[in-house]
C-alpha atoms as a PDB file:
ATOM      1  CA  MET A   1      -0.143   0.178  -0.181  1.00  0.00           C
ATOM      2  CA  LYS A   2       0.777   3.556  -0.407  1.00  0.00           C
ATOM      3  CA  LYS A   3       2.178   6.109   1.770  1.00  0.00           C
ATOM      4  CA  ASP A   4      -1.215   8.302   1.217  1.00  0.00           C
ATOM      5  CA  GLU A   5      -3.201   5.399   1.422  1.00  0.00           C
ATOM      6  CA  LEU A   6      -1.753   4.166   4.613  1.00  0.00           C
ATOM      7  CA  ALA A   7      -1.795   7.347   6.330  1.00  0.00           C
ATOM      8  CA  ARG A   8      -5.889   8.132   5.181  1.00  0.00           C
ATOM      9  CA  LEU A   9      -6.832   4.565   6.799  1.00  0.00           C
ATOM     10  CA  GLN A  10      -4.817   5.454  10.006  1.00  0.00           C
ATOM     11  CA  LYS A  11      -6.895   8.642  10.078  1.00  0.00           C
ATOM     12  CA  TYR A  12     -10.107   6.494   9.804  1.00  0.00           C
ATOM     13  CA  LEU A  13      -9.552   4.252  12.324  1.00  0.00           C
ATOM     14  CA  ARG A  14      -8.685   6.594  14.655  1.00  0.00           C
ATOM     15  CA  GLY A  15     -11.552   8.406  14.001  1.00  0.00           C
ATOM     16  CA  VAL A  16     -13.598   5.178  14.627  1.00  0.00           C
ATOM     17  CA  PHE A  17     -11.876   3.659  17.598  1.00  0.00           C
ATOM     18  CA  ARG A  18     -11.105   7.201  18.997  1.00  0.00           C
ATOM     19  CA  LEU A  19      -7.569   6.318  19.428  1.00  0.00           C
ATOM     20  CA  ASP A  20      -4.982   8.685  18.676  1.00  0.00           C
ATOM     21  CA  ASP A  21      -2.259   5.585  19.427  1.00  0.00           C
ATOM     22  CA  LEU A  22      -3.435   3.532  16.741  1.00  0.00           C
ATOM     23  CA  ASN A  23      -0.594   3.534  13.659  1.00  0.00           C
ATOM     24  CA  ILE A  24      -0.581   1.555  10.518  1.00  0.00           C
ATOM     25  CA  LYS A  25       2.803   0.355   9.545  1.00  0.00           C
ATOM     26  CA  ALA A  26       3.635  -0.554   5.946  1.00  0.00           C
ATOM     27  CA  ARG A  27       4.623  -4.570   5.968  1.00  0.00           C
ATOM     28  CA  PRO A  28       7.989  -5.422   4.350  1.00  0.00           C
ATOM     29  CA  LYS A  29       8.238  -7.079   1.049  1.00  0.00           C
ATOM     30  CA  LYS A  30       3.974  -6.745   0.652  1.00  0.00           C
ATOM     31  CA  ASP A  31       2.367  -4.316  -0.707  1.00  0.00           C
ATOM     32  CA  ASP A  32      -1.132  -5.884  -0.258  1.00  0.00           C
ATOM     33  CA  SER A  33      -1.293  -5.480   3.237  1.00  0.00           C
ATOM     34  CA  ALA A  34      -0.295  -3.371   6.298  1.00  0.00           C
ATOM     35  CA  GLU A  35      -0.006  -3.809  10.184  1.00  0.00           C
ATOM     36  CA  VAL A  36      -2.084  -2.324  12.860  1.00  0.00           C
ATOM     37  CA  TYR A  37      -0.674  -0.935  16.268  1.00  0.00           C
ATOM     38  CA  ILE A  38      -1.735   0.342  19.435  1.00  0.00           C
ATOM     39  CA  ASN A  39       1.602   2.654  20.845  1.00  0.00           C
ATOM     40  CA  ASP A  40       4.059  -0.437  19.860  1.00  0.00           C
ATOM     41  CA  GLU A  41       1.860  -3.507  20.739  1.00  0.00           C
ATOM     42  CA  PHE A  42       0.733  -5.262  17.468  1.00  0.00           C
ATOM     43  CA  ILE A  43      -3.018  -6.165  17.239  1.00  0.00           C
ATOM     44  CA  GLY A  44      -4.090  -7.087  13.755  1.00  0.00           C
ATOM     45  CA  VAL A  45      -2.967  -6.799  10.154  1.00  0.00           C
ATOM     46  CA  ILE A  46      -5.725  -4.705   7.538  1.00  0.00           C
ATOM     47  CA  TYR A  47      -5.561  -6.183   4.035  1.00  0.00           C
ATOM     48  CA  ARG A  48      -6.789  -4.287   0.712  1.00  0.00           C
ATOM     49  CA  ASP A  49      -8.923  -6.281  -1.380  1.00  0.00           C
ATOM     50  CA  ASP A  50      -9.585  -4.684  -5.178  1.00  0.00           C
ATOM     51  CA  GLU A  51     -10.176  -7.916  -6.918  1.00  0.00           C
ATOM     52  CA  ASP A  52     -13.615  -7.302  -7.605  1.00  0.00           C
ATOM     53  CA  GLU A  53     -13.382  -3.949  -9.364  1.00  0.00           C
ATOM     54  CA  ASP A  54     -13.998  -2.593  -5.888  1.00  0.00           C
ATOM     55  CA  LEU A  55     -11.932  -1.076  -3.615  1.00  0.00           C
ATOM     56  CA  CYS A  56     -12.446  -2.673   0.340  1.00  0.00           C
ATOM     57  CA  TYR A  57     -10.193  -3.314   3.272  1.00  0.00           C
ATOM     58  CA  ASN A  58     -10.673  -5.956   5.906  1.00  0.00           C
ATOM     59  CA  PHE A  59      -8.923  -5.289   9.617  1.00  0.00           C
ATOM     60  CA  ASN A  60      -8.042  -9.070  10.848  1.00  0.00           C
ATOM     61  CA  MET A  61      -7.545  -9.028  14.669  1.00  0.00           C
ATOM     62  CA  ALA A  62      -6.820 -12.131  16.353  1.00  0.00           C
ATOM     63  CA  ILE A  63      -7.702 -12.181  20.452  1.00  0.00           C
ATOM     64  CA  LEU A  64      -6.017 -14.857  22.587  1.00  0.00           C
ATOM     65  CA  GLU A  65      -8.015 -16.539  25.243  1.00  0.00           C
ATOM     66  CA  PHE A  66      -4.777 -15.535  27.315  1.00  0.00           C
ATOM     67  CA  ASP A  67      -5.526 -11.616  26.760  1.00  0.00           C
ATOM     68  CA  LEU A  68      -9.029 -12.069  27.874  1.00  0.00           C
ATOM     69  CA  GLU A  69      -7.615 -13.382  31.089  1.00  0.00           C
ATOM     70  CA  ALA A  70      -5.630 -10.182  31.941  1.00  0.00           C
END
């Protein structure tokens, strides 16, 4: 993904989640996805999907059972 695309996604997700500490970082050697962080903690991956002529993004976040107990 391009820098301007990452910036737009970051602005959108910061607004949706009301978190100024949410950051989106490009993935090395991948141009179809980016990593999502809160502060320095990795929380998920956002994927770019433009196969069906309609551009959309899919955000995947894994929640470990261990995290629920904390």
